[in-house]
């Protein structure tokens, strides 16, 4: 999960705005832990899975 959708339990503001020290600390922690797939949108991830399934089906059909 990316920090742009998180709400702080301390100040009830978005974590990405960094309104309080808790927000800023969590924002820094999440930025350090961010993996390559964290920035991919759900639609792009779904398209990637669909493309991989299509390649698998085409390869299976070609080798059969």
C-alpha atoms as a PDB file:
ATOM      1  CA  UNK A   1       0.000   0.000   0.000  1.00  0.00           C
ATOM      2  CA  UNK A   2       1.198   3.474  -0.754  1.00  0.00           C
ATOM      3  CA  UNK A   3       1.130   6.266   1.774  1.00  0.00           C
ATOM      4  CA  UNK A   4      -1.008   8.553  -0.429  1.00  0.00           C
ATOM      5  CA  UNK A   5      -4.126   6.601   0.610  1.00  0.00           C
ATOM      6  CA  UNK A   6      -3.389   6.287   4.328  1.00  0.00           C
ATOM      7  CA  UNK A   7      -5.065   8.374   7.025  1.00  0.00           C
ATOM      8  CA  UNK A   8      -3.151   9.201  10.192  1.00  0.00           C
ATOM      9  CA  UNK A   9      -4.670   7.944  13.438  1.00  0.00           C
ATOM     10  CA  UNK A  10      -3.044  10.807  15.318  1.00  0.00           C
ATOM     11  CA  UNK A  11      -4.352  13.852  13.377  1.00  0.00           C
ATOM     12  CA  UNK A  12      -6.909  12.229  10.989  1.00  0.00           C
ATOM     13  CA  UNK A  13      -5.157  13.835   8.011  1.00  0.00           C
ATOM     14  CA  UNK A  14      -3.660  12.187   4.953  1.00  0.00           C
ATOM     15  CA  UNK A  15      -0.222  10.761   5.732  1.00  0.00           C
ATOM     16  CA  UNK A  16       1.232  12.136   2.490  1.00  0.00           C
ATOM     17  CA  UNK A  17       0.602  15.712   3.712  1.00  0.00           C
ATOM     18  CA  UNK A  18       2.702  15.162   6.846  1.00  0.00           C
ATOM     19  CA  UNK A  19       0.614  17.360   9.172  1.00  0.00           C
ATOM     20  CA  UNK A  20       1.996  15.947  12.415  1.00  0.00           C
ATOM     21  CA  UNK A  21       5.246  14.242  13.549  1.00  0.00           C
ATOM     22  CA  UNK A  22       3.573  10.821  13.342  1.00  0.00           C
ATOM     23  CA  UNK A  23       2.567  11.445   9.711  1.00  0.00           C
ATOM     24  CA  UNK A  24       6.044  12.618   8.782  1.00  0.00           C
ATOM     25  CA  UNK A  25       7.703   9.628  10.458  1.00  0.00           C
ATOM     26  CA  UNK A  26       5.392   7.132   8.753  1.00  0.00           C
ATOM     27  CA  UNK A  27       5.796   8.870   5.405  1.00  0.00           C
ATOM     28  CA  UNK A  28       9.581   8.570   5.670  1.00  0.00           C
ATOM     29  CA  UNK A  29       9.356   4.925   6.745  1.00  0.00           C
ATOM     30  CA  UNK A  30       7.055   4.037   3.856  1.00  0.00           C
ATOM     31  CA  UNK A  31       9.248   5.843   1.336  1.00  0.00           C
ATOM     32  CA  UNK A  32      12.240   3.791   2.467  1.00  0.00           C
ATOM     33  CA  UNK A  33      10.318   0.510   2.289  1.00  0.00           C
ATOM     34  CA  UNK A  34       8.647   1.186  -1.053  1.00  0.00           C
ATOM     35  CA  UNK A  35       9.108  -1.664  -3.501  1.00  0.00           C
ATOM     36  CA  UNK A  36       9.013  -1.460  -7.337  1.00  0.00           C
ATOM     37  CA  UNK A  37       5.409  -2.662  -7.488  1.00  0.00           C
ATOM     38  CA  UNK A  38       4.078  -0.077  -5.011  1.00  0.00           C
ATOM     39  CA  UNK A  39       3.673   2.586  -7.674  1.00  0.00           C
ATOM     40  CA  UNK A  40       1.732   0.349 -10.088  1.00  0.00           C
ATOM     41  CA  UNK A  41      -1.971   1.144 -10.218  1.00  0.00           C
ATOM     42  CA  UNK A  42      -4.489  -1.684  -9.825  1.00  0.00           C
ATOM     43  CA  UNK A  43      -5.571  -1.257 -13.466  1.00  0.00           C
ATOM     44  CA  UNK A  44      -1.984  -1.600 -14.691  1.00  0.00           C
ATOM     45  CA  UNK A  45      -1.475  -4.664 -12.503  1.00  0.00           C
ATOM     46  CA  UNK A  46      -4.648  -6.236 -13.914  1.00  0.00           C
ATOM     47  CA  UNK A  47      -3.475  -5.485 -17.469  1.00  0.00           C
ATOM     48  CA  UNK A  48      -0.102  -7.085 -16.686  1.00  0.00           C
ATOM     49  CA  UNK A  49      -1.768 -10.241 -15.366  1.00  0.00           C
ATOM     50  CA  UNK A  50      -4.061 -10.388 -18.433  1.00  0.00           C
ATOM     51  CA  UNK A  51      -1.064  -9.999 -20.766  1.00  0.00           C
ATOM     52  CA  UNK A  52       0.827 -12.754 -18.957  1.00  0.00           C
ATOM     53  CA  UNK A  53      -2.200 -15.050 -19.204  1.00  0.00           C
ATOM     54  CA  UNK A  54      -2.494 -14.318 -22.937  1.00  0.00           C
ATOM     55  CA  UNK A  55       1.184 -15.120 -23.496  1.00  0.00           C
ATOM     56  CA  UNK A  56       0.785 -18.344 -21.526  1.00  0.00           C
ATOM     57  CA  UNK A  57      -2.258 -19.399 -23.555  1.00  0.00           C
ATOM     58  CA  UNK A  58      -0.574 -18.560 -26.877  1.00  0.00           C
ATOM     59  CA  UNK A  59       2.566 -20.487 -25.901  1.00  0.00           C
ATOM     60  CA  UNK A  60       0.487 -23.438 -24.723  1.00  0.00           C
ATOM     61  CA  UNK A  61      -1.457 -23.477 -27.991  1.00  0.00           C
ATOM     62  CA  UNK A  62       1.707 -23.192 -30.089  1.00  0.00           C
ATOM     63  CA  UNK A  63       3.426 -26.076 -28.280  1.00  0.00           C
ATOM     64  CA  UNK A  64       0.415 -28.391 -28.288  1.00  0.00           C
END
